Amino acid sequence: MKVAVYYSNSDLRMEERPVPAISEDEILVRMKASGICGTDVMQWYRQQKAPRVLGHEMAGEIAEVGSRVKGLKKGDRVFVSHHVPCYECHHCKASDYTACEALHTGNYEPGGFSEYIRVPALNVKYGTLPLPGNVSYEEAAMIEPLACVVSGQERAKIKNGHTVLVIGSGVSGLLHIQLAKLKGAAVFATDISEYRLGKAAGFIGAGHVFHADRYSADELKKMNNGKLADRVIVCAGATQAARQAVSSVDRKGTVLFFAVPREDISIPSMRFWRDEITVTFSYGAAPDDLRTALSLIEKGGVDAKKMVTHTIALSDIQKGFALAAGAAESLKVVIVPDAAQKTST
């Protein structure tokens, strides 16, 4: 089978490997769509473990089923999560599933950027979701990133009537915008890209976006009846984004770091103490978040189809990484099998 091995953003090599053998508790999935995540193109982060096969936003068709697997069969269309909790450790028993060591260390083999993927028993049990007929494989590749957004907004406790500022309007930012709007929040957004600002404006409505280089807390107040934001969601890894978040949150508000700068973040502790401001972080998603994300996509609450701007054949994955890393005029880039049609929107 073909696999794409990551060495760097500009060096992905196609290799031939044997199709993985599965045990009686596992399944083999034929990849149909696998999204390129923003973390996949964080070269300083990914090169630490290179060479490896990346890809963790994967949907496909079951090609083989272990003899002890129940409820799944060959030919089923599924989304498969790469990370799942064990449900047995003390973190899981406290419902803190994203703190589970199994969630942080588990994975499927060899990765989503390959023709076939072996799904371990734990991922079969907790991370494999059958797809409804109205959800395409490309849309299903959005389940994992949306689930992370669902989890993050639960931590931030976003609700109807809140003013939410989303800093960074890439894929995660646009998903946060859609979900916050769905909850009844008034949403503002920033970005350095006019292309992404245009996409954000389309989801928010005219007059609610700022170019990041011209944004200030005072400008937010002018557009928000003299108030700062109740919730600020950081979806950009620039230090400037962290600074803007700190200056933009209102009293009793919350800053959610969905993305973080490589450098440590400085917090004005005296002001945050006096104004009782909460700072929280969000990493990953639990199986319940995945199911919520799938339901949102299935029912049209979040438009996953509009997020996918390019589908690229596996053998052309280098082109896909260039698109995703450059982020000039692309949102979600999805890798598909070579036989699938290449499209862009």
Protein backbone atom coordinates (compact mmCIF):
# COMPACT_ATOMS: atom_id res chain seq x y z
CA MET A 1 0.00 0.00 0.00
CA LYS A 2 1.03 3.64 -0.45
CA VAL A 3 1.91 5.76 2.58
CA ALA A 4 3.12 9.35 2.81
CA VAL A 5 6.04 9.67 5.24
CA TYR A 6 6.61 13.09 6.81
CA TYR A 7 10.17 14.41 7.16
CA SER A 8 9.34 18.12 6.98
CA ASN A 9 6.66 20.35 5.47
CA SER A 10 8.59 20.36 2.20
CA ASP A 11 9.68 16.72 2.33
CA LEU A 12 6.93 14.10 2.28
CA ARG A 13 7.97 10.84 0.65
CA MET A 14 5.71 8.20 -0.85
CA GLU A 15 6.60 4.66 0.26
CA GLU A 16 5.23 1.18 -0.35
CA ARG A 17 4.46 -0.81 2.79
CA PRO A 18 2.56 -4.03 3.52
CA VAL A 19 -1.10 -3.66 4.43
CA PRO A 20 -1.26 -3.96 8.25
CA ALA A 21 -2.52 -7.25 9.66
CA ILE A 22 -5.31 -6.97 12.24
CA SER A 23 -6.15 -8.98 15.36
CA GLU A 24 -9.56 -10.37 16.26
CA ASP A 25 -10.48 -7.15 18.13
CA GLU A 26 -9.41 -4.74 15.40
CA ILE A 27 -10.58 -3.43 12.05
CA LEU A 28 -8.83 -2.41 8.84
CA VAL A 29 -10.08 0.78 7.20
CA ARG A 30 -9.55 1.86 3.61
CA MET A 31 -8.88 5.61 3.79
CA LYS A 32 -11.35 7.74 1.84
CA ALA A 33 -10.57 11.17 3.30
CA SER A 34 -7.97 12.44 5.77
CA GLY A 35 -7.68 16.12 6.67
CA ILE A 36 -4.43 18.03 7.06
CA CYS A 37 -4.55 19.57 10.54
CA GLY A 38 -2.94 22.86 11.47
CA THR A 39 -0.71 20.91 13.86
CA ASP A 40 0.48 18.71 10.97
CA VAL A 41 2.15 21.74 9.40
CA MET A 42 3.69 23.00 12.68
CA GLN A 43 7.14 21.93 11.49
CA TRP A 44 8.97 22.74 14.76
CA TYR A 45 6.50 20.43 16.52
CA ARG A 46 6.26 17.59 14.00
CA GLN A 47 9.92 17.23 13.10
CA GLN A 48 10.72 16.09 16.64
CA LYS A 49 9.21 12.68 15.82
CA ALA A 50 9.98 12.52 12.11
CA PRO A 51 10.02 10.42 10.02
CA ARG A 52 6.44 9.30 10.61
CA VAL A 53 3.09 8.91 8.89
CA LEU A 54 0.77 11.71 9.98
CA GLY A 55 -2.98 12.09 9.54
CA HIS A 56 -5.49 11.95 12.38
CA GLU A 57 -8.70 13.31 10.81
CA MET A 58 -9.59 10.13 8.94
CA ALA A 59 -12.76 8.64 7.50
CA GLY A 60 -13.06 5.58 5.33
CA GLU A 61 -14.62 2.25 4.50
CA ILE A 62 -14.10 -0.86 6.60
CA ALA A 63 -12.09 -3.35 4.55
CA GLU A 64 -11.72 -6.10 7.16
CA VAL A 65 -13.26 -6.86 10.55
CA GLY A 66 -11.76 -8.92 13.37
CA SER A 67 -13.75 -11.96 14.45
CA ARG A 68 -14.60 -10.54 17.91
CA VAL A 69 -15.69 -7.07 16.72
CA LYS A 70 -19.41 -6.48 17.20
CA GLY A 71 -21.66 -3.91 15.52
CA LEU A 72 -19.39 -3.21 12.56
CA LYS A 73 -19.03 -4.99 9.22
CA LYS A 74 -17.04 -4.88 6.03
CA GLY A 75 -18.19 -2.03 3.79
CA ASP A 76 -19.39 0.23 6.63
CA ARG A 77 -18.60 3.91 6.20
CA VAL A 78 -16.90 5.18 9.37
CA PHE A 79 -15.02 8.01 11.00
CA VAL A 80 -12.19 6.83 13.27
CA SER A 81 -10.64 8.86 16.08
CA HIS A 82 -6.90 8.45 16.57
CA HIS A 83 -7.03 9.30 20.30
CA VAL A 84 -9.45 7.69 22.76
CA PRO A 85 -9.48 7.47 26.58
CA CYS A 86 -9.28 4.19 28.49
CA TYR A 87 -12.33 4.90 30.72
CA GLU A 88 -10.54 3.11 33.58
CA CYS A 89 -7.89 5.50 34.99
CA HIS A 90 -8.54 8.05 37.73
CA HIS A 91 -8.78 10.87 35.16
CA CYS A 92 -11.46 9.01 33.21
CA LYS A 93 -13.38 8.16 36.37
CA ALA A 94 -13.46 11.90 37.10
CA SER A 95 -14.74 12.49 33.51
CA ASP A 96 -11.48 14.27 32.65
CA TYR A 97 -11.04 12.19 29.52
CA THR A 98 -8.56 14.42 27.72
CA ALA A 99 -6.17 14.00 30.67
CA CYS A 100 -6.07 10.22 30.13
CA GLU A 101 -2.64 8.87 29.24
CA ALA A 102 -4.17 6.47 26.69
CA LEU A 103 -5.75 9.41 24.87
CA HIS A 104 -2.38 11.14 24.61
CA THR A 105 -0.33 8.10 23.59
CA GLY A 106 -2.68 5.89 21.56
CA ASN A 107 -3.00 6.04 17.79
CA TYR A 108 -3.89 4.01 14.75
CA GLU A 109 -1.34 2.44 12.37
CA PRO A 110 0.41 3.84 10.43
CA GLY A 111 -1.55 7.12 10.16
CA GLY A 112 -4.34 8.67 8.13
CA PHE A 113 -2.11 9.54 5.17
CA SER A 114 -2.00 5.95 3.96
CA GLU A 115 -4.22 3.72 1.87
CA TYR A 116 -5.11 1.37 4.75
CA ILE A 117 -5.18 1.91 8.51
CA ARG A 118 -5.20 -0.67 11.30
CA VAL A 119 -7.53 0.47 14.08
CA PRO A 120 -6.61 -0.88 17.56
CA ALA A 121 -9.25 -2.44 19.80
CA LEU A 122 -9.62 0.59 22.08
CA ASN A 123 -10.18 2.87 19.07
CA VAL A 124 -12.66 0.39 17.60
CA LYS A 125 -14.59 0.36 20.87
CA TYR A 126 -14.62 4.08 21.66
CA GLY A 127 -13.53 5.99 18.57
CA THR A 128 -15.25 4.44 15.54
CA LEU A 129 -18.48 6.14 14.45
CA PRO A 130 -20.67 4.88 11.59
CA LEU A 131 -21.45 7.69 9.16
CA PRO A 132 -25.01 8.71 8.23
CA GLY A 133 -25.78 8.55 4.53
CA ASN A 134 -25.94 12.33 4.18
CA VAL A 135 -22.41 12.90 5.55
CA SER A 136 -19.66 12.59 2.93
CA TYR A 137 -16.19 11.29 3.70
CA GLU A 138 -14.78 14.79 3.19
CA GLU A 139 -17.28 16.23 5.68
CA ALA A 140 -16.44 13.41 8.10
CA ALA A 141 -12.81 14.52 8.04
CA MET A 142 -14.08 17.62 9.88
CA ILE A 143 -15.48 15.62 12.82
CA GLU A 144 -12.27 15.58 14.87
CA PRO A 145 -11.46 19.31 14.53
CA LEU A 146 -15.08 20.20 15.28
CA ALA A 147 -15.09 17.88 18.31
CA CYS A 148 -12.08 19.76 19.69
CA VAL A 149 -14.04 23.00 19.25
CA VAL A 150 -17.05 21.48 21.02
CA SER A 151 -14.81 20.49 23.94
CA GLY A 152 -13.16 23.92 24.08
CA GLN A 153 -16.45 25.80 24.15
CA GLU A 154 -17.68 23.57 26.95
CA ARG A 155 -14.65 24.67 28.97
CA ALA A 156 -15.32 28.32 28.13
CA LYS A 157 -19.03 27.97 28.97
CA ILE A 158 -20.24 29.98 25.98
CA LYS A 159 -23.95 30.69 25.99
CA ASN A 160 -26.71 32.80 24.49
CA GLY A 161 -26.13 36.53 24.91
CA HIS A 162 -22.34 36.37 25.23
CA THR A 163 -20.04 38.49 23.12
CA VAL A 164 -17.31 36.22 21.73
CA LEU A 165 -14.09 37.40 20.10
CA VAL A 166 -12.35 34.76 17.96
CA ILE A 167 -8.71 35.65 17.28
CA GLY A 168 -7.62 33.80 14.15
CA SER A 169 -10.07 32.77 11.42
CA GLY A 170 -8.49 29.64 10.06
CA VAL A 171 -10.28 26.30 10.21
CA SER A 172 -10.56 26.14 14.01
CA GLY A 173 -11.54 29.80 14.25
CA LEU A 174 -14.31 29.42 11.67
CA LEU A 175 -15.62 26.35 13.47
CA HIS A 176 -15.64 28.31 16.75
CA ILE A 177 -17.51 31.12 15.00
CA GLN A 178 -20.20 28.77 13.68
CA LEU A 179 -20.69 26.99 17.00
CA ALA A 180 -20.78 30.21 19.05
CA LYS A 181 -23.34 31.69 16.65
CA LEU A 182 -25.40 28.53 16.95
CA LYS A 183 -25.43 29.05 20.73
CA GLY A 184 -26.78 32.59 20.34
CA ALA A 185 -23.57 34.54 20.94
CA ALA A 186 -22.64 37.76 19.16
CA VAL A 187 -19.34 36.96 17.44
CA PHE A 188 -16.41 39.13 16.34
CA ALA A 189 -13.33 37.80 14.58
CA THR A 190 -9.81 38.81 13.57
CA ASP A 191 -7.17 37.52 11.18
CA ILE A 192 -4.17 38.77 9.20
CA SER A 193 -5.54 37.28 5.96
CA GLU A 194 -8.15 39.12 3.92
CA TYR A 195 -9.18 35.75 2.46
CA ARG A 196 -9.93 34.27 5.88
CA LEU A 197 -11.58 37.49 7.05
CA GLY A 198 -13.91 37.19 4.07
CA LYS A 199 -14.78 33.63 5.11
CA ALA A 200 -15.34 34.77 8.70
CA ALA A 201 -17.61 37.61 7.57
CA GLY A 202 -19.65 35.11 5.60
CA PHE A 203 -20.32 33.06 8.71
CA ILE A 204 -20.78 36.03 11.06
CA GLY A 205 -22.40 38.69 8.91
CA ALA A 206 -21.06 42.02 7.72
CA GLY A 207 -19.29 44.42 10.08
CA HIS A 208 -17.99 42.01 12.69
CA VAL A 209 -14.43 41.34 11.53
CA PHE A 210 -11.13 43.12 12.15
CA HIS A 211 -7.79 42.86 10.40
CA ALA A 212 -5.44 41.71 13.18
CA ASP A 213 -2.84 44.37 12.37
CA ARG A 214 -5.41 47.13 12.88
CA TYR A 215 -7.32 45.56 15.75
CA SER A 216 -7.39 47.00 19.26
CA ALA A 217 -9.57 46.57 22.33
CA ASP A 218 -10.82 50.12 21.77
CA GLU A 219 -12.01 49.16 18.28
CA LEU A 220 -13.88 46.20 19.76
CA LYS A 221 -15.58 48.51 22.27
CA LYS A 222 -16.74 50.81 19.46
CA MET A 223 -18.50 47.90 17.78
CA ASN A 224 -19.75 46.29 20.98
CA ASN A 225 -21.62 49.04 22.82
CA GLY A 226 -18.60 50.08 24.85
CA LYS A 227 -17.91 46.56 26.16
CA LEU A 228 -15.03 44.15 25.89
CA ALA A 229 -15.71 40.47 25.09
CA ASP A 230 -17.26 38.04 27.54
CA ARG A 231 -15.28 35.25 25.95
CA VAL A 232 -12.08 35.42 23.90
CA ILE A 233 -10.97 32.36 21.93
CA VAL A 234 -7.38 32.30 20.70
CA CYS A 235 -7.04 30.30 17.48
CA ALA A 236 -3.70 31.70 16.33
CA GLY A 237 -0.24 30.81 17.54
CA ALA A 238 1.24 34.30 17.30
CA THR A 239 2.38 36.12 20.43
CA GLN A 240 0.38 39.13 19.23
CA ALA A 241 -2.77 37.00 19.40
CA ALA A 242 -2.14 36.24 23.07
CA ARG A 243 -1.57 39.91 23.84
CA GLN A 244 -4.76 40.91 22.04
CA ALA A 245 -6.73 38.28 23.96
CA VAL A 246 -5.48 39.54 27.31
CA SER A 247 -6.46 43.12 26.49
CA SER A 248 -9.87 42.22 25.05
CA VAL A 249 -11.58 40.23 27.80
CA ASP A 250 -14.18 41.88 30.02
CA ARG A 251 -14.55 41.57 33.77
CA LYS A 252 -15.64 38.07 34.87
CA GLY A 253 -14.79 36.94 31.35
CA THR A 254 -12.85 33.95 30.06
CA VAL A 255 -9.91 33.60 27.71
CA LEU A 256 -9.73 30.21 26.01
CA PHE A 257 -6.36 29.34 24.50
CA PHE A 258 -7.31 26.91 21.74
CA ALA A 259 -3.93 27.64 20.16
CA VAL A 260 -0.84 28.89 21.94
CA PRO A 261 2.37 30.72 21.00
CA ARG A 262 5.60 28.75 21.13
CA GLU A 263 6.80 31.19 23.81
CA ASP A 264 5.32 31.31 27.33
CA ILE A 265 2.32 33.59 27.78
CA SER A 266 2.44 36.63 30.08
CA ILE A 267 -0.72 37.32 32.10
CA PRO A 268 -1.45 40.63 33.94
CA SER A 269 -2.12 38.85 37.21
CA MET A 270 -3.21 41.88 39.22
CA ARG A 271 -5.89 42.90 36.73
CA PHE A 272 -7.06 39.33 36.18
CA TRP A 273 -7.31 38.81 39.94
CA ARG A 274 -9.22 42.03 40.53
CA ASP A 275 -11.56 41.46 37.57
CA GLU A 276 -11.91 37.73 38.27
CA ILE A 277 -10.94 36.73 34.74
CA THR A 278 -10.56 33.06 33.91
CA VAL A 279 -7.81 31.71 31.66
CA THR A 280 -8.23 28.18 30.36
CA PHE A 281 -6.74 25.91 27.72
CA SER A 282 -8.22 23.19 25.56
CA TYR A 283 -6.54 20.16 24.00
CA GLY A 284 -8.22 17.34 22.14
CA ALA A 285 -11.68 15.84 22.38
CA ALA A 286 -13.44 12.93 24.08
CA PRO A 287 -15.76 10.40 22.38
CA ASP A 288 -18.88 12.31 23.49
CA ASP A 289 -17.49 15.41 21.75
CA LEU A 290 -16.99 13.37 18.58
CA ARG A 291 -20.60 12.23 18.63
CA THR A 292 -21.78 15.80 19.19
CA ALA A 293 -19.65 16.97 16.27
CA LEU A 294 -21.03 14.30 13.96
CA SER A 295 -24.58 15.24 14.94
CA LEU A 296 -23.89 18.94 14.25
CA ILE A 297 -22.58 18.09 10.78
CA GLU A 298 -25.37 15.62 10.03
CA LYS A 299 -28.09 18.11 11.01
CA GLY A 300 -26.48 21.10 9.32
CA GLY A 301 -25.79 23.09 12.49
CA VAL A 302 -22.19 23.45 11.32
CA ASP A 303 -21.44 23.65 7.59
CA ALA A 304 -18.53 21.24 7.20
CA LYS A 305 -18.79 21.12 3.42
CA LYS A 306 -18.05 24.84 3.13
CA MET A 307 -14.87 24.35 5.18
CA VAL A 308 -13.27 21.92 2.73
CA THR A 309 -11.63 24.01 0.02
CA HIS A 310 -9.32 21.42 -1.53
CA THR A 311 -9.17 17.66 -1.99
CA ILE A 312 -5.77 16.36 -3.02
CA ALA A 313 -4.75 12.83 -4.08
CA LEU A 314 -2.50 10.94 -1.66
CA SER A 315 0.38 10.81 -4.16
CA ASP A 316 0.17 14.62 -4.45
CA ILE A 317 0.24 15.18 -0.68
CA GLN A 318 3.24 17.52 -1.00
CA LYS A 319 0.95 19.94 -2.84
CA GLY A 320 -1.61 19.59 -0.04
CA PHE A 321 0.96 20.43 2.63
CA ALA A 322 2.09 23.46 0.65
CA LEU A 323 -1.51 24.68 0.50
CA ALA A 324 -2.15 24.05 4.20
CA ALA A 325 1.14 25.54 5.38
CA GLY A 326 0.82 28.60 3.15
CA ALA A 327 -2.85 29.13 4.08
CA ALA A 328 -3.09 31.85 1.45
CA GLU A 329 -6.43 30.87 -0.06
CA SER A 330 -7.27 27.56 1.51
CA LEU A 331 -9.13 26.34 4.57
CA LYS A 332 -9.33 22.60 5.12
CA VAL A 333 -7.20 20.56 2.74
CA VAL A 334 -8.30 16.92 2.62
CA ILE A 335 -6.21 14.04 1.29
CA VAL A 336 -8.15 11.40 -0.68
CA PRO A 337 -7.12 8.16 -2.42
CA ASP A 338 -5.38 8.50 -5.76
CA ALA A 339 -8.41 7.17 -7.62
CA ALA A 340 -10.64 9.93 -6.23
CA GLN A 341 -11.20 13.10 -8.21
CA LYS A 342 -9.09 16.11 -7.22
CA THR A 343 -11.12 19.26 -6.66
CA SER A 344 -10.74 22.72 -5.21
CA THR A 345 -13.29 25.38 -4.33
